Amino acid sequence: MSQRRSLVTGLEETPDLKALERKFVFGDKEESTDVSDATLESVSHTNESVLPQYRGRVPLTTRCRPELASALKRASLKRQLEGKEPYRIQEILEDAIEKWLRSQGYPS
C-alpha cells in the first residue's frame, strides 16, 4: 500500500499544471499569440459603441430561407475556390450586416 500524505503536501508536490498543459498543446515552443484577459478587456472597453458584456465574437443565431442559405454557402465555396476575400460565411454576413446598418444610419 502506498504511503499516505496530507492534501496540502500533495498539492505542494504537484508540478505546474499550466506549464504542462501549454507544453502538451503547443509543444516545446511557447505560443506567442496568446491574448490575455486584460488585453481583451482593454480592447472591448475602448469602443464606446460595444456593450461591455460583448467580448470577442458573440454568437448570433437566426433562421433563414433554405434558398438563401444555399446561395450563401454556394457563394462562399465559389469565392474560396477563386481565392477571393471574404469567403467565410461569417465574414460575408458581417460585411452585409455592417453595410445595411450604415445605410440605415446606425453606427457600426
C-alpha atoms as a PDB file:
ATOM      1  CA  MET A   1       0.000   0.000   0.000  1.00  0.00           C
ATOM      2  CA  SER A   2       1.325   3.452  -0.881  1.00  0.00           C
ATOM      3  CA  GLN A   3       2.275   5.951   1.756  1.00  0.00           C
ATOM      4  CA  ARG A   4      -0.498   8.358   2.709  1.00  0.00           C
ATOM      5  CA  ARG A   5       0.108  12.080   2.655  1.00  0.00           C
ATOM      6  CA  SER A   6      -1.934  15.117   3.516  1.00  0.00           C
ATOM      7  CA  LEU A   7      -3.789  17.108   0.887  1.00  0.00           C
ATOM      8  CA  VAL A   8      -1.572  20.149   1.431  1.00  0.00           C
ATOM      9  CA  THR A   9       1.568  18.067   0.929  1.00  0.00           C
ATOM     10  CA  GLY A  10       0.143  16.552  -2.236  1.00  0.00           C
ATOM     11  CA  LEU A  11      -0.723  19.946  -3.662  1.00  0.00           C
ATOM     12  CA  GLU A  12       2.720  21.318  -2.854  1.00  0.00           C
ATOM     13  CA  GLU A  13       4.369  18.415  -4.678  1.00  0.00           C
ATOM     14  CA  THR A  14       2.145  18.730  -7.767  1.00  0.00           C
ATOM     15  CA  PRO A  15       4.050  20.148 -10.753  1.00  0.00           C
ATOM     16  CA  ASP A  16       2.950  23.332 -12.515  1.00  0.00           C
ATOM     17  CA  LEU A  17      -0.041  22.050 -14.473  1.00  0.00           C
ATOM     18  CA  LYS A  18      -0.398  25.170 -16.627  1.00  0.00           C
ATOM     19  CA  ALA A  19       3.135  24.730 -17.950  1.00  0.00           C
ATOM     20  CA  LEU A  20       2.498  21.047 -18.636  1.00  0.00           C
ATOM     21  CA  GLU A  21      -0.765  21.888 -20.420  1.00  0.00           C
ATOM     22  CA  ARG A  22       0.950  24.514 -22.596  1.00  0.00           C
ATOM     23  CA  LYS A  23       3.761  22.110 -23.433  1.00  0.00           C
ATOM     24  CA  PHE A  24       1.248  19.415 -24.377  1.00  0.00           C
ATOM     25  CA  VAL A  25      -0.840  21.735 -26.568  1.00  0.00           C
ATOM     26  CA  PHE A  26       1.867  23.875 -28.168  1.00  0.00           C
ATOM     27  CA  GLY A  27       4.894  21.599 -27.938  1.00  0.00           C
ATOM     28  CA  ASP A  28       8.225  22.896 -26.678  1.00  0.00           C
ATOM     29  CA  LYS A  29       7.811  26.352 -28.194  1.00  0.00           C
ATOM     30  CA  GLU A  30       5.632  28.869 -26.410  1.00  0.00           C
ATOM     31  CA  GLU A  31       2.638  30.294 -28.238  1.00  0.00           C
ATOM     32  CA  SER A  32       3.376  33.980 -28.773  1.00  0.00           C
ATOM     33  CA  THR A  33      -0.120  34.958 -29.906  1.00  0.00           C
ATOM     34  CA  ASP A  34      -1.768  34.470 -26.513  1.00  0.00           C
ATOM     35  CA  VAL A  35      -4.230  37.218 -25.700  1.00  0.00           C
ATOM     36  CA  SER A  36      -4.646  37.922 -22.028  1.00  0.00           C
ATOM     37  CA  ASP A  37      -7.945  38.813 -20.407  1.00  0.00           C
ATOM     38  CA  ALA A  38      -6.598  42.284 -19.658  1.00  0.00           C
ATOM     39  CA  THR A  39      -5.943  42.849 -23.355  1.00  0.00           C
ATOM     40  CA  LEU A  40      -9.441  41.704 -24.281  1.00  0.00           C
ATOM     41  CA  GLU A  41     -10.961  43.978 -21.663  1.00  0.00           C
ATOM     42  CA  SER A  42      -8.979  46.992 -22.827  1.00  0.00           C
ATOM     43  CA  VAL A  43      -9.938  46.370 -26.451  1.00  0.00           C
ATOM     44  CA  SER A  44     -13.613  45.855 -25.699  1.00  0.00           C
ATOM     45  CA  HIS A  45     -13.888  48.918 -23.473  1.00  0.00           C
ATOM     46  CA  THR A  46     -12.099  51.304 -25.827  1.00  0.00           C
ATOM     47  CA  ASN A  47     -15.015  51.273 -28.260  1.00  0.00           C
ATOM     48  CA  GLU A  48     -17.979  53.024 -26.646  1.00  0.00           C
ATOM     49  CA  SER A  49     -20.493  51.541 -29.101  1.00  0.00           C
ATOM     50  CA  VAL A  50     -19.809  47.972 -27.926  1.00  0.00           C
ATOM     51  CA  LEU A  51     -21.741  46.740 -24.933  1.00  0.00           C
ATOM     52  CA  PRO A  52     -19.448  45.730 -22.045  1.00  0.00           C
ATOM     53  CA  GLN A  53     -20.727  42.143 -21.891  1.00  0.00           C
ATOM     54  CA  TYR A  54     -19.649  41.520 -25.504  1.00  0.00           C
ATOM     55  CA  ARG A  55     -16.032  40.384 -25.775  1.00  0.00           C
ATOM     56  CA  GLY A  56     -14.544  38.835 -28.870  1.00  0.00           C
ATOM     57  CA  ARG A  57     -17.013  37.208 -31.222  1.00  0.00           C
ATOM     58  CA  VAL A  58     -20.581  36.933 -29.969  1.00  0.00           C
ATOM     59  CA  PRO A  59     -22.814  34.068 -31.080  1.00  0.00           C
ATOM     60  CA  LEU A  60     -25.802  35.255 -33.065  1.00  0.00           C
ATOM     61  CA  THR A  61     -28.344  32.696 -34.184  1.00  0.00           C
ATOM     62  CA  THR A  62     -31.051  33.277 -36.752  1.00  0.00           C
ATOM     63  CA  ARG A  63     -33.139  31.293 -39.192  1.00  0.00           C
ATOM     64  CA  CYS A  64     -33.379  31.995 -42.899  1.00  0.00           C
ATOM     65  CA  ARG A  65     -34.956  30.552 -46.012  1.00  0.00           C
ATOM     66  CA  PRO A  66     -33.258  27.435 -47.424  1.00  0.00           C
ATOM     67  CA  GLU A  67     -32.712  29.206 -50.766  1.00  0.00           C
ATOM     68  CA  LEU A  68     -30.807  31.998 -49.034  1.00  0.00           C
ATOM     69  CA  ALA A  69     -28.688  29.570 -47.008  1.00  0.00           C
ATOM     70  CA  SER A  70     -27.876  27.530 -50.132  1.00  0.00           C
ATOM     71  CA  ALA A  71     -26.966  30.622 -52.136  1.00  0.00           C
ATOM     72  CA  LEU A  72     -24.769  31.898 -49.307  1.00  0.00           C
ATOM     73  CA  LYS A  73     -22.962  28.562 -48.986  1.00  0.00           C
ATOM     74  CA  ARG A  74     -22.526  28.330 -52.762  1.00  0.00           C
ATOM     75  CA  ALA A  75     -21.120  31.868 -52.917  1.00  0.00           C
ATOM     76  CA  SER A  76     -18.784  31.110 -50.027  1.00  0.00           C
ATOM     77  CA  LEU A  77     -17.400  27.959 -51.649  1.00  0.00           C
ATOM     78  CA  LYS A  78     -17.065  29.628 -55.054  1.00  0.00           C
ATOM     79  CA  ARG A  79     -15.190  32.600 -53.559  1.00  0.00           C
ATOM     80  CA  GLN A  80     -12.920  30.234 -51.644  1.00  0.00           C
ATOM     81  CA  LEU A  81     -12.067  28.291 -54.810  1.00  0.00           C
ATOM     82  CA  GLU A  82     -11.372  31.542 -56.658  1.00  0.00           C
ATOM     83  CA  GLY A  83      -9.219  32.826 -53.797  1.00  0.00           C
ATOM     84  CA  LYS A  84     -11.382  35.902 -53.200  1.00  0.00           C
ATOM     85  CA  GLU A  85     -11.798  37.507 -49.799  1.00  0.00           C
ATOM     86  CA  PRO A  86     -14.063  37.395 -47.891  1.00  0.00           C
ATOM     87  CA  TYR A  87     -15.093  33.823 -48.467  1.00  0.00           C
ATOM     88  CA  ARG A  88     -16.130  32.674 -44.990  1.00  0.00           C
ATOM     89  CA  ILE A  89     -19.867  32.790 -44.383  1.00  0.00           C
ATOM     90  CA  GLN A  90     -19.334  34.680 -41.138  1.00  0.00           C
ATOM     91  CA  GLU A  91     -17.266  37.374 -42.878  1.00  0.00           C
ATOM     92  CA  ILE A  92     -19.778  37.702 -45.732  1.00  0.00           C
ATOM     93  CA  LEU A  93     -22.646  38.096 -43.262  1.00  0.00           C
ATOM     94  CA  GLU A  94     -20.718  40.600 -41.123  1.00  0.00           C
ATOM     95  CA  ASP A  95     -19.922  42.675 -44.214  1.00  0.00           C
ATOM     96  CA  ALA A  96     -23.541  42.647 -45.397  1.00  0.00           C
ATOM     97  CA  ILE A  97     -24.930  43.497 -41.955  1.00  0.00           C
ATOM     98  CA  GLU A  98     -22.415  46.337 -41.469  1.00  0.00           C
ATOM     99  CA  LYS A  99     -23.381  47.840 -44.846  1.00  0.00           C
ATOM    100  CA  TRP A 100     -27.077  47.572 -44.001  1.00  0.00           C
ATOM    101  CA  LEU A 101     -26.599  49.154 -40.568  1.00  0.00           C
ATOM    102  CA  ARG A 102     -24.646  52.069 -42.079  1.00  0.00           C
ATOM    103  CA  SER A 103     -27.278  52.592 -44.791  1.00  0.00           C
ATOM    104  CA  GLN A 104     -29.963  52.767 -42.096  1.00  0.00           C
ATOM    105  CA  GLY A 105     -27.986  55.312 -40.070  1.00  0.00           C
ATOM    106  CA  TYR A 106     -26.849  53.025 -37.267  1.00  0.00           C
ATOM    107  CA  PRO A 107     -23.236  53.294 -36.145  1.00  0.00           C
ATOM    108  CA  SER A 108     -21.238  50.121 -36.506  1.00  0.00           C
END
